[in-house]
């Protein structure tokens, strides 16, 4: 190695800048400095954005049409949480934005999980069935002239574990009370 080789700039000493970094480098540094100053001034109010992020995730779940859209939203929220940390890992604004995006992701995931947890199985189509069941609840609805029963079939079958059956009030006897066993053809 000669003396002229030692004085030549090295990539290890001076990072190689691409065309975009040369053009936007100063602007990005300026934007980053402004964002950092803003985050520093508003540091006491940053936690107040957590419920807004969770609410955004819940609103996205209600607004988006189906499971694939919810999945895409959560993936975008995760990517949006990681991107600022990759661009400016030591800055307050990047951490605040990452936490906001994680809150949105958790809001969407939480409402989706709760909706799946309480979802009742439904019959795919109307069908006739004859089965024995136990009455869980009996509710008289005089305005509709019916008695609404929620029943649990005894034997495991292709029916859901709980069914709602409407019985005409004229055909409903006095024995339709919770805990009673009934034979139903519906």
N, C-alpha and C. Protein backbone atom coordinates (compact mmCIF):
# COMPACT_ATOMS: atom_id res chain seq x y z
N UNK A 1 0.84 -1.16 0.00
CA UNK A 1 0.00 0.00 0.00
C UNK A 1 0.89 1.23 0.00
N UNK A 2 0.62 2.15 -0.88
CA UNK A 2 1.43 3.36 -0.98
C UNK A 2 0.78 4.48 -0.18
N UNK A 3 1.51 5.58 -0.07
CA UNK A 3 1.01 6.73 0.68
C UNK A 3 -0.20 7.35 0.01
N UNK A 4 -0.24 7.31 -1.34
CA UNK A 4 -1.39 7.88 -2.05
C UNK A 4 -2.65 7.05 -1.82
N UNK A 5 -2.48 5.73 -1.64
CA UNK A 5 -3.63 4.88 -1.35
C UNK A 5 -4.20 5.14 0.04
N UNK A 6 -3.34 5.47 0.99
CA UNK A 6 -3.81 5.69 2.36
C UNK A 6 -4.59 6.99 2.48
N UNK A 7 -4.29 7.98 1.64
CA UNK A 7 -4.99 9.26 1.73
C UNK A 7 -6.31 9.27 0.96
N UNK A 8 -6.54 8.26 0.14
CA UNK A 8 -7.79 8.18 -0.64
C UNK A 8 -8.95 7.92 0.31
N UNK A 9 -10.08 8.58 0.07
CA UNK A 9 -11.23 8.37 0.96
C UNK A 9 -11.71 6.93 0.89
N UNK A 10 -12.16 6.45 2.00
CA UNK A 10 -12.65 5.09 2.10
C UNK A 10 -14.14 5.12 2.42
N UNK A 11 -14.84 4.09 2.02
CA UNK A 11 -16.26 3.99 2.34
C UNK A 11 -16.44 3.86 3.85
N UNK A 12 -15.48 3.21 4.50
CA UNK A 12 -15.57 3.03 5.94
C UNK A 12 -15.42 4.37 6.67
N UNK A 13 -14.65 5.29 6.09
CA UNK A 13 -14.43 6.58 6.73
C UNK A 13 -15.56 7.54 6.39
N UNK A 14 -15.92 7.61 5.12
CA UNK A 14 -16.97 8.53 4.66
C UNK A 14 -18.04 7.70 3.95
N UNK A 15 -19.26 7.69 4.48
CA UNK A 15 -20.29 6.86 3.85
C UNK A 15 -20.60 7.32 2.43
N UNK A 16 -20.87 6.37 1.59
CA UNK A 16 -21.23 6.65 0.21
C UNK A 16 -22.65 7.18 0.17
N UNK A 17 -22.83 8.35 -0.44
CA UNK A 17 -24.16 8.94 -0.52
C UNK A 17 -24.74 8.72 -1.90
N UNK A 18 -25.98 8.31 -1.92
CA UNK A 18 -26.66 8.15 -3.19
C UNK A 18 -27.18 9.50 -3.64
N UNK A 19 -27.71 9.56 -4.83
CA UNK A 19 -28.24 10.82 -5.35
C UNK A 19 -29.37 11.36 -4.51
N UNK A 20 -30.29 10.48 -4.05
CA UNK A 20 -31.41 10.93 -3.22
C UNK A 20 -30.93 11.48 -1.89
N UNK A 21 -29.94 10.83 -1.29
CA UNK A 21 -29.44 11.30 0.00
C UNK A 21 -28.80 12.68 -0.14
N UNK A 22 -28.10 12.92 -1.25
CA UNK A 22 -27.50 14.25 -1.45
C UNK A 22 -28.57 15.31 -1.65
N UNK A 23 -29.63 14.97 -2.38
CA UNK A 23 -30.67 15.97 -2.66
C UNK A 23 -31.55 16.20 -1.44
N UNK A 24 -31.99 15.11 -0.81
CA UNK A 24 -32.94 15.24 0.28
C UNK A 24 -32.31 15.19 1.67
N UNK A 25 -31.02 14.97 1.75
CA UNK A 25 -30.37 14.82 3.04
C UNK A 25 -30.61 15.99 3.97
N UNK A 26 -30.35 17.20 3.51
CA UNK A 26 -30.54 18.38 4.35
C UNK A 26 -32.02 18.59 4.69
N UNK A 27 -32.89 18.38 3.72
CA UNK A 27 -34.32 18.56 3.97
C UNK A 27 -34.82 17.56 5.01
N UNK A 28 -34.39 16.30 4.89
CA UNK A 28 -34.81 15.29 5.85
C UNK A 28 -34.27 15.60 7.24
N UNK A 29 -33.04 16.09 7.32
CA UNK A 29 -32.48 16.47 8.62
C UNK A 29 -33.27 17.62 9.22
N UNK A 30 -33.68 18.58 8.39
CA UNK A 30 -34.46 19.72 8.87
C UNK A 30 -35.84 19.26 9.35
N UNK A 31 -36.49 18.39 8.59
CA UNK A 31 -37.80 17.87 8.99
C UNK A 31 -37.67 17.09 10.28
N UNK A 32 -36.63 16.26 10.38
CA UNK A 32 -36.40 15.49 11.60
C UNK A 32 -36.17 16.38 12.81
N UNK A 33 -35.44 17.47 12.61
CA UNK A 33 -35.19 18.40 13.72
C UNK A 33 -36.48 19.09 14.14
N UNK A 34 -37.31 19.47 13.18
CA UNK A 34 -38.59 20.10 13.51
C UNK A 34 -39.51 19.12 14.25
N UNK A 35 -39.57 17.88 13.77
CA UNK A 35 -40.40 16.86 14.43
C UNK A 35 -39.91 16.58 15.85
N UNK A 36 -38.58 16.55 16.02
CA UNK A 36 -38.03 16.30 17.35
C UNK A 36 -38.35 17.45 18.30
N UNK A 37 -38.25 18.69 17.80
CA UNK A 37 -38.59 19.86 18.63
C UNK A 37 -40.08 19.84 19.00
N UNK A 38 -40.93 19.49 18.04
CA UNK A 38 -42.37 19.41 18.32
C UNK A 38 -42.66 18.33 19.36
N UNK A 39 -42.06 17.17 19.20
CA UNK A 39 -42.28 16.07 20.15
C UNK A 39 -41.75 16.45 21.53
N UNK A 40 -40.67 17.20 21.58
CA UNK A 40 -40.13 17.63 22.87
C UNK A 40 -41.05 18.63 23.55
N UNK A 41 -41.61 19.57 22.78
CA UNK A 41 -42.53 20.55 23.35
C UNK A 41 -43.82 19.89 23.82
N UNK A 42 -44.28 18.88 23.14
CA UNK A 42 -45.57 18.24 23.43
C UNK A 42 -45.42 16.93 24.20
N UNK A 43 -44.28 16.70 24.83
CA UNK A 43 -44.02 15.40 25.47
C UNK A 43 -45.04 15.05 26.55
N UNK A 44 -45.61 16.05 27.22
CA UNK A 44 -46.60 15.75 28.26
C UNK A 44 -47.93 15.32 27.66
N UNK A 45 -48.22 15.72 26.43
CA UNK A 45 -49.49 15.38 25.79
C UNK A 45 -49.41 14.12 24.93
N UNK A 46 -48.24 13.58 24.71
CA UNK A 46 -48.10 12.41 23.84
C UNK A 46 -48.89 11.19 24.34
N UNK A 47 -48.95 10.92 25.66
CA UNK A 47 -49.75 9.76 26.10
C UNK A 47 -51.24 9.91 25.80
N UNK A 48 -51.70 11.14 25.62
CA UNK A 48 -53.12 11.33 25.32
C UNK A 48 -53.49 10.81 23.93
N UNK A 49 -52.49 10.54 23.10
CA UNK A 49 -52.75 10.01 21.77
C UNK A 49 -52.96 8.49 21.77
N UNK A 50 -52.69 7.83 22.89
CA UNK A 50 -52.90 6.37 22.95
C UNK A 50 -54.36 5.99 22.73
N UNK A 51 -55.33 6.59 23.44
CA UNK A 51 -56.72 6.22 23.16
C UNK A 51 -57.17 6.60 21.75
N UNK A 52 -56.56 7.63 21.19
CA UNK A 52 -56.89 7.99 19.81
C UNK A 52 -56.42 6.89 18.87
N UNK A 53 -55.23 6.35 19.12
CA UNK A 53 -54.72 5.24 18.30
C UNK A 53 -55.59 4.00 18.43
N UNK A 54 -55.99 3.67 19.66
CA UNK A 54 -56.87 2.51 19.86
C UNK A 54 -58.20 2.75 19.17
N UNK A 55 -58.73 3.96 19.30
CA UNK A 55 -60.00 4.29 18.63
C UNK A 55 -59.89 4.21 17.13
N UNK A 56 -58.73 4.60 16.58
CA UNK A 56 -58.52 4.48 15.14
C UNK A 56 -58.58 3.01 14.71
N UNK A 57 -57.97 2.13 15.49
CA UNK A 57 -58.01 0.70 15.17
C UNK A 57 -59.42 0.14 15.24
N UNK A 58 -60.19 0.55 16.25
CA UNK A 58 -61.57 0.09 16.37
C UNK A 58 -62.41 0.62 15.21
N UNK A 59 -62.23 1.91 14.89
CA UNK A 59 -62.97 2.51 13.77
C UNK A 59 -62.62 1.82 12.45
N UNK A 60 -61.36 1.47 12.28
CA UNK A 60 -60.95 0.77 11.05
C UNK A 60 -61.65 -0.59 10.96
N UNK A 61 -61.78 -1.28 12.10
CA UNK A 61 -62.46 -2.58 12.08
C UNK A 61 -63.92 -2.42 11.65
N UNK A 62 -64.59 -1.39 12.15
CA UNK A 62 -65.99 -1.17 11.77
C UNK A 62 -66.11 -0.69 10.32
N UNK A 63 -65.16 0.09 9.87
CA UNK A 63 -65.26 0.70 8.54
C UNK A 63 -64.83 -0.26 7.43
N UNK A 64 -63.81 -1.07 7.67
CA UNK A 64 -63.30 -1.98 6.64
C UNK A 64 -64.25 -3.17 6.49
N UNK A 65 -64.35 -3.72 5.27
CA UNK A 65 -65.42 -4.69 5.00
C UNK A 65 -65.23 -6.11 5.52
N UNK A 66 -64.00 -6.63 5.58
CA UNK A 66 -63.87 -8.06 5.90
C UNK A 66 -62.52 -8.37 6.53
N UNK A 67 -62.30 -9.67 6.77
CA UNK A 67 -61.09 -10.12 7.46
C UNK A 67 -59.81 -9.77 6.71
N UNK A 68 -59.83 -9.87 5.40
CA UNK A 68 -58.62 -9.56 4.65
C UNK A 68 -58.26 -8.08 4.78
N UNK A 69 -59.24 -7.20 4.78
CA UNK A 69 -58.98 -5.78 4.95
C UNK A 69 -58.47 -5.48 6.36
N UNK A 70 -59.02 -6.16 7.36
CA UNK A 70 -58.54 -5.97 8.74
C UNK A 70 -57.09 -6.43 8.88
N UNK A 71 -56.78 -7.54 8.22
CA UNK A 71 -55.41 -8.06 8.26
C UNK A 71 -54.45 -7.07 7.60
N UNK A 72 -54.85 -6.52 6.46
CA UNK A 72 -54.01 -5.54 5.77
C UNK A 72 -53.82 -4.31 6.64
N UNK A 73 -54.89 -3.85 7.30
CA UNK A 73 -54.76 -2.69 8.19
C UNK A 73 -53.75 -2.97 9.30
N UNK A 74 -53.84 -4.15 9.91
CA UNK A 74 -52.93 -4.46 11.00
C UNK A 74 -51.49 -4.60 10.52
N UNK A 75 -51.30 -5.15 9.32
CA UNK A 75 -49.95 -5.24 8.76
C UNK A 75 -49.39 -3.85 8.45
N UNK A 76 -50.23 -2.97 7.91
CA UNK A 76 -49.79 -1.60 7.64
C UNK A 76 -49.48 -0.85 8.94
N UNK A 77 -50.26 -1.09 9.96
CA UNK A 77 -49.99 -0.46 11.25
C UNK A 77 -48.67 -0.96 11.82
N UNK A 78 -48.40 -2.25 11.68
CA UNK A 78 -47.12 -2.79 12.16
C UNK A 78 -45.95 -2.22 11.37
N UNK A 79 -46.11 -2.14 10.05
CA UNK A 79 -45.05 -1.56 9.22
C UNK A 79 -44.86 -0.08 9.54
N UNK A 80 -45.96 0.62 9.79
CA UNK A 80 -45.87 2.04 10.14
C UNK A 80 -45.25 2.23 11.51
N UNK A 81 -45.35 1.25 12.36
CA UNK A 81 -44.70 1.33 13.67
C UNK A 81 -43.20 1.09 13.56
N UNK A 82 -42.80 0.23 12.63
CA UNK A 82 -41.37 -0.09 12.48
C UNK A 82 -40.62 0.93 11.64
N UNK A 83 -41.29 1.54 10.67
CA UNK A 83 -40.60 2.46 9.76
C UNK A 83 -39.96 3.64 10.47
N UNK A 84 -40.65 4.38 11.35
CA UNK A 84 -39.99 5.50 12.01
C UNK A 84 -38.83 5.06 12.90
N UNK A 85 -38.95 3.88 13.50
CA UNK A 85 -37.86 3.39 14.33
C UNK A 85 -36.63 3.06 13.49
N UNK A 86 -36.85 2.63 12.26
CA UNK A 86 -35.72 2.35 11.37
C UNK A 86 -35.10 3.64 10.84
N UNK A 87 -35.93 4.66 10.60
CA UNK A 87 -35.41 5.92 10.05
C UNK A 87 -34.71 6.77 11.11
N UNK A 88 -35.27 6.86 12.28
CA UNK A 88 -34.71 7.70 13.33
C UNK A 88 -34.88 7.01 14.67
N UNK A 89 -34.04 6.01 14.96
CA UNK A 89 -34.27 5.20 16.15
C UNK A 89 -34.10 5.95 17.48
N UNK A 90 -33.34 7.00 17.51
CA UNK A 90 -33.07 7.68 18.78
C UNK A 90 -33.98 8.88 19.02
N UNK A 91 -34.91 9.13 18.13
CA UNK A 91 -35.72 10.35 18.27
C UNK A 91 -37.03 10.07 19.00
N UNK A 92 -37.50 11.08 19.69
CA UNK A 92 -38.75 10.97 20.44
C UNK A 92 -39.94 10.85 19.50
N UNK A 93 -39.93 11.59 18.39
CA UNK A 93 -41.08 11.56 17.47
C UNK A 93 -41.25 10.18 16.85
N UNK A 94 -40.14 9.49 16.57
CA UNK A 94 -40.26 8.16 15.96
C UNK A 94 -40.84 7.16 16.96
N UNK A 95 -40.42 7.28 18.22
CA UNK A 95 -40.99 6.39 19.25
C UNK A 95 -42.47 6.69 19.46
N UNK A 96 -42.83 7.97 19.48
CA UNK A 96 -44.24 8.35 19.67
C UNK A 96 -45.10 7.84 18.52
N UNK A 97 -44.62 8.00 17.30
CA UNK A 97 -45.37 7.51 16.13
C UNK A 97 -45.47 5.98 16.15
N UNK A 98 -44.41 5.31 16.57
CA UNK A 98 -44.43 3.85 16.64
C UNK A 98 -45.45 3.38 17.69
N UNK A 99 -45.50 4.04 18.83
CA UNK A 99 -46.45 3.67 19.88
C UNK A 99 -47.88 3.93 19.41
N UNK A 100 -48.10 5.04 18.69
CA UNK A 100 -49.43 5.34 18.15
C UNK A 100 -49.87 4.24 17.19
N UNK A 101 -48.99 3.82 16.31
CA UNK A 101 -49.33 2.78 15.33
C UNK A 101 -49.58 1.43 16.01
N UNK A 102 -48.82 1.12 17.05
CA UNK A 102 -49.05 -0.12 17.79
C UNK A 102 -50.40 -0.05 18.50
N UNK A 103 -50.76 1.13 19.03
CA UNK A 103 -52.08 1.29 19.67
C UNK A 103 -53.19 1.06 18.65
N UNK A 104 -53.04 1.56 17.43
CA UNK A 104 -54.05 1.33 16.39
C UNK A 104 -54.13 -0.15 16.05
N UNK A 105 -53.00 -0.81 15.95
CA UNK A 105 -52.98 -2.25 15.67
C UNK A 105 -53.68 -3.01 16.79
N UNK A 106 -53.39 -2.67 18.04
CA UNK A 106 -54.01 -3.35 19.17
C UNK A 106 -55.51 -3.07 19.25
N UNK A 107 -55.93 -1.87 18.89
CA UNK A 107 -57.36 -1.56 18.88
C UNK A 107 -58.11 -2.42 17.89
N UNK A 108 -57.58 -2.56 16.68
CA UNK A 108 -58.22 -3.39 15.66
C UNK A 108 -58.20 -4.86 16.07
N UNK A 109 -57.06 -5.33 16.57
CA UNK A 109 -56.95 -6.73 16.98
C UNK A 109 -57.88 -7.04 18.14
N UNK A 110 -58.00 -6.12 19.08
CA UNK A 110 -58.85 -6.35 20.25
C UNK A 110 -60.32 -6.46 19.87
N UNK A 111 -60.81 -5.54 19.06
CA UNK A 111 -62.23 -5.58 18.69
C UNK A 111 -62.51 -6.80 17.81
N UNK A 112 -61.58 -7.18 16.97
CA UNK A 112 -61.75 -8.37 16.14
C UNK A 112 -61.83 -9.61 17.03
N UNK A 113 -60.93 -9.72 18.00
CA UNK A 113 -60.92 -10.86 18.90
C UNK A 113 -62.22 -10.92 19.70
N UNK A 114 -62.68 -9.78 20.20
CA UNK A 114 -63.93 -9.78 20.97
C UNK A 114 -65.12 -10.17 20.12
N UNK A 115 -65.15 -9.69 18.88
CA UNK A 115 -66.26 -10.05 17.99
C UNK A 115 -66.25 -11.54 17.68
N UNK A 116 -65.09 -12.12 17.46
CA UNK A 116 -65.00 -13.56 17.18
C UNK A 116 -65.36 -14.38 18.42
N UNK A 117 -65.01 -13.88 19.59
CA UNK A 117 -65.27 -14.61 20.82
C UNK A 117 -66.75 -14.72 21.13
N UNK A 118 -67.52 -13.67 20.85
CA UNK A 118 -68.94 -13.70 21.19
C UNK A 118 -69.83 -14.09 20.02
N UNK A 119 -69.25 -14.32 18.86
CA UNK A 119 -70.05 -14.68 17.69
C UNK A 119 -70.72 -16.03 17.91
N UNK A 120 -71.99 -16.06 17.64
CA UNK A 120 -72.74 -17.31 17.78
C UNK A 120 -72.77 -18.02 16.44
N UNK A 121 -72.68 -19.35 16.46
CA UNK A 121 -72.79 -20.06 15.19
C UNK A 121 -74.20 -19.89 14.63
N UNK A 122 -74.30 -19.82 13.33
CA UNK A 122 -75.59 -19.62 12.67
C UNK A 122 -75.86 -20.81 11.74
N UNK A 123 -77.13 -21.07 11.57
CA UNK A 123 -77.51 -22.08 10.59
C UNK A 123 -77.28 -21.51 9.20
N UNK A 124 -76.71 -22.30 8.33
CA UNK A 124 -76.41 -21.82 6.97
C UNK A 124 -77.68 -21.63 6.16
N UNK A 125 -78.70 -22.43 6.44
CA UNK A 125 -79.95 -22.35 5.70
C UNK A 125 -81.08 -22.86 6.61
N UNK A 126 -82.29 -22.52 6.26
CA UNK A 126 -83.44 -22.98 7.04
C UNK A 126 -83.59 -24.48 6.85
N UNK A 127 -83.88 -25.18 7.94
CA UNK A 127 -84.04 -26.63 7.86
C UNK A 127 -85.04 -27.08 8.92
N UNK A 128 -85.67 -28.20 8.65
CA UNK A 128 -86.58 -28.80 9.62
C UNK A 128 -85.78 -29.75 10.50
N UNK A 129 -86.09 -29.71 11.78
CA UNK A 129 -85.39 -30.59 12.71
C UNK A 129 -86.33 -30.99 13.83
N UNK A 130 -86.10 -32.17 14.36
CA UNK A 130 -86.84 -32.67 15.52
C UNK A 130 -85.76 -33.05 16.55
N UNK A 131 -85.88 -32.47 17.74
CA UNK A 131 -84.86 -32.72 18.76
C UNK A 131 -85.44 -32.47 20.16
N UNK A 132 -84.76 -33.04 21.14
CA UNK A 132 -85.10 -32.81 22.54
C UNK A 132 -84.10 -31.79 23.09
N UNK A 133 -84.61 -30.88 23.94
CA UNK A 133 -83.75 -29.81 24.43
C UNK A 133 -84.17 -29.37 25.82
N UNK A 134 -83.33 -28.60 26.44
CA UNK A 134 -83.62 -27.97 27.73
C UNK A 134 -83.83 -26.49 27.48
N UNK A 135 -84.84 -25.91 28.10
CA UNK A 135 -85.10 -24.48 27.94
C UNK A 135 -84.13 -23.70 28.82
N UNK A 136 -83.37 -22.80 28.18
CA UNK A 136 -82.46 -21.92 28.93
C UNK A 136 -83.20 -20.67 29.39
N UNK A 137 -83.93 -20.04 28.46
CA UNK A 137 -84.73 -18.86 28.81
C UNK A 137 -86.05 -18.92 28.05
N UNK A 138 -87.08 -18.35 28.68
CA UNK A 138 -88.40 -18.24 28.04
C UNK A 138 -88.85 -16.80 28.24
N UNK A 139 -89.16 -16.15 27.12
CA UNK A 139 -89.56 -14.74 27.17
C UNK A 139 -90.89 -14.57 26.44
N UNK A 140 -91.90 -14.11 27.14
CA UNK A 140 -93.21 -13.88 26.53
C UNK A 140 -93.20 -12.49 25.89
N UNK A 141 -93.62 -12.43 24.62
CA UNK A 141 -93.69 -11.18 23.88
C UNK A 141 -95.14 -10.96 23.45
N UNK A 142 -95.96 -10.32 24.31
CA UNK A 142 -97.39 -10.17 24.02
C UNK A 142 -97.66 -9.36 22.76
N UNK A 143 -96.84 -8.38 22.44
CA UNK A 143 -97.09 -7.56 21.26
C UNK A 143 -97.00 -8.39 19.98
N UNK A 144 -96.14 -9.40 19.97
CA UNK A 144 -96.00 -10.26 18.79
C UNK A 144 -96.79 -11.56 18.94
N UNK A 145 -97.39 -11.75 20.11
CA UNK A 145 -98.16 -12.95 20.42
C UNK A 145 -97.33 -14.22 20.26
N UNK A 146 -96.09 -14.16 20.79
CA UNK A 146 -95.21 -15.33 20.75
C UNK A 146 -94.50 -15.48 22.09
N UNK A 147 -93.94 -16.66 22.28
CA UNK A 147 -93.03 -16.93 23.39
C UNK A 147 -91.70 -17.29 22.75
N UNK A 148 -90.66 -16.55 23.10
CA UNK A 148 -89.33 -16.80 22.54
C UNK A 148 -88.55 -17.68 23.51
N UNK A 149 -88.14 -18.85 23.02
CA UNK A 149 -87.37 -19.79 23.83
C UNK A 149 -85.94 -19.84 23.33
N UNK A 150 -85.00 -19.89 24.26
CA UNK A 150 -83.61 -20.22 23.93
C UNK A 150 -83.38 -21.59 24.53
N UNK A 151 -83.05 -22.56 23.66
CA UNK A 151 -82.94 -23.95 24.09
C UNK A 151 -81.56 -24.51 23.76
N UNK A 152 -81.17 -25.53 24.53
CA UNK A 152 -79.92 -26.25 24.29
C UNK A 152 -80.27 -27.70 23.98
N UNK A 153 -80.01 -28.17 22.75
CA UNK A 153 -80.33 -29.56 22.41
C UNK A 153 -79.54 -30.54 23.28
N UNK A 154 -80.17 -31.69 23.60
CA UNK A 154 -79.51 -32.70 24.43
C UNK A 154 -78.37 -33.37 23.69
N UNK A 155 -78.71 -34.04 22.60
CA UNK A 155 -77.72 -34.83 21.87
C UNK A 155 -76.93 -33.94 20.91
N UNK A 156 -75.63 -34.18 20.82
CA UNK A 156 -74.86 -33.41 19.84
C UNK A 156 -75.33 -33.73 18.42
N UNK A 157 -75.53 -32.70 17.67
CA UNK A 157 -76.02 -32.90 16.30
C UNK A 157 -75.41 -31.81 15.43
N UNK A 158 -75.97 -31.67 14.25
CA UNK A 158 -75.50 -30.64 13.33
C UNK A 158 -76.06 -29.28 13.70
N UNK A 159 -76.85 -29.23 14.75
CA UNK A 159 -77.43 -27.96 15.20
C UNK A 159 -76.44 -27.22 16.09
N UNK A 160 -76.55 -25.91 16.16
CA UNK A 160 -75.70 -25.14 17.09
C UNK A 160 -76.01 -25.52 18.54
N UNK A 161 -75.13 -25.23 19.47
CA UNK A 161 -75.35 -25.62 20.86
C UNK A 161 -76.51 -24.89 21.53
N UNK A 162 -76.90 -23.73 21.00
CA UNK A 162 -78.07 -23.00 21.53
C UNK A 162 -78.89 -22.52 20.35
N UNK A 163 -80.20 -22.63 20.48
CA UNK A 163 -81.11 -22.21 19.42
C UNK A 163 -82.18 -21.29 19.99
N UNK A 164 -82.64 -20.35 19.17
CA UNK A 164 -83.76 -19.50 19.55
C UNK A 164 -84.96 -19.95 18.73
N UNK A 165 -86.05 -20.26 19.44
CA UNK A 165 -87.26 -20.78 18.80
C UNK A 165 -88.43 -19.90 19.24
N UNK A 166 -89.24 -19.48 18.28
CA UNK A 166 -90.45 -18.72 18.59
C UNK A 166 -91.65 -19.67 18.56
N UNK A 167 -92.47 -19.62 19.61
CA UNK A 167 -93.66 -20.45 19.71
C UNK A 167 -94.86 -19.52 19.78
N UNK A 168 -95.90 -19.83 18.99
CA UNK A 168 -97.11 -19.02 19.06
C UNK A 168 -97.68 -19.07 20.47
N UNK A 169 -98.15 -17.94 20.94
CA UNK A 169 -98.64 -17.85 22.31
C UNK A 169 -99.83 -18.79 22.55
N UNK A 170 -100.65 -18.98 21.56
CA UNK A 170 -101.81 -19.88 21.71
C UNK A 170 -101.37 -21.33 21.91
N UNK A 171 -100.22 -21.72 21.34
CA UNK A 171 -99.73 -23.09 21.45
C UNK A 171 -98.78 -23.29 22.63
N UNK A 172 -98.40 -22.21 23.29
CA UNK A 172 -97.44 -22.31 24.41
C UNK A 172 -98.18 -22.66 25.69
N UNK A 173 -97.79 -23.75 26.30
CA UNK A 173 -98.41 -24.17 27.55
C UNK A 173 -97.73 -23.51 28.75
N UNK A 174 -98.26 -23.76 29.93
CA UNK A 174 -97.69 -23.15 31.14
C UNK A 174 -96.35 -23.75 31.54
N UNK A 175 -95.98 -24.89 30.99
CA UNK A 175 -94.74 -25.56 31.38
C UNK A 175 -93.48 -25.05 30.69
N UNK A 176 -93.59 -24.00 29.89
CA UNK A 176 -92.41 -23.47 29.20
C UNK A 176 -91.66 -22.52 30.14
N UNK A 177 -90.84 -23.11 31.00
CA UNK A 177 -90.07 -22.34 31.97
C UNK A 177 -88.60 -22.79 31.88
N UNK A 178 -87.67 -21.96 32.28
CA UNK A 178 -86.26 -22.36 32.24
C UNK A 178 -86.01 -23.64 33.02
N UNK A 179 -85.26 -24.54 32.41
CA UNK A 179 -84.93 -25.83 33.02
C UNK A 179 -85.81 -26.97 32.58
N UNK A 180 -86.94 -26.66 31.94
CA UNK A 180 -87.88 -27.70 31.49
C UNK A 180 -87.31 -28.39 30.25
N UNK A 181 -87.63 -29.68 30.11
CA UNK A 181 -87.23 -30.44 28.94
C UNK A 181 -88.39 -30.39 27.94
N UNK A 182 -88.06 -30.16 26.66
CA UNK A 182 -89.07 -30.07 25.63
C UNK A 182 -88.64 -30.89 24.42
N UNK A 183 -89.65 -31.34 23.66
CA UNK A 183 -89.40 -31.99 22.36
C UNK A 183 -89.89 -31.00 21.32
N UNK A 184 -89.00 -30.65 20.40
CA UNK A 184 -89.32 -29.58 19.45
C UNK A 184 -89.21 -30.11 18.02
N UNK A 185 -90.21 -29.71 17.22
CA UNK A 185 -90.13 -29.90 15.79
C UNK A 185 -90.27 -28.50 15.20
N UNK A 186 -89.21 -28.03 14.60
CA UNK A 186 -89.21 -26.65 14.09
C UNK A 186 -88.51 -26.57 12.77
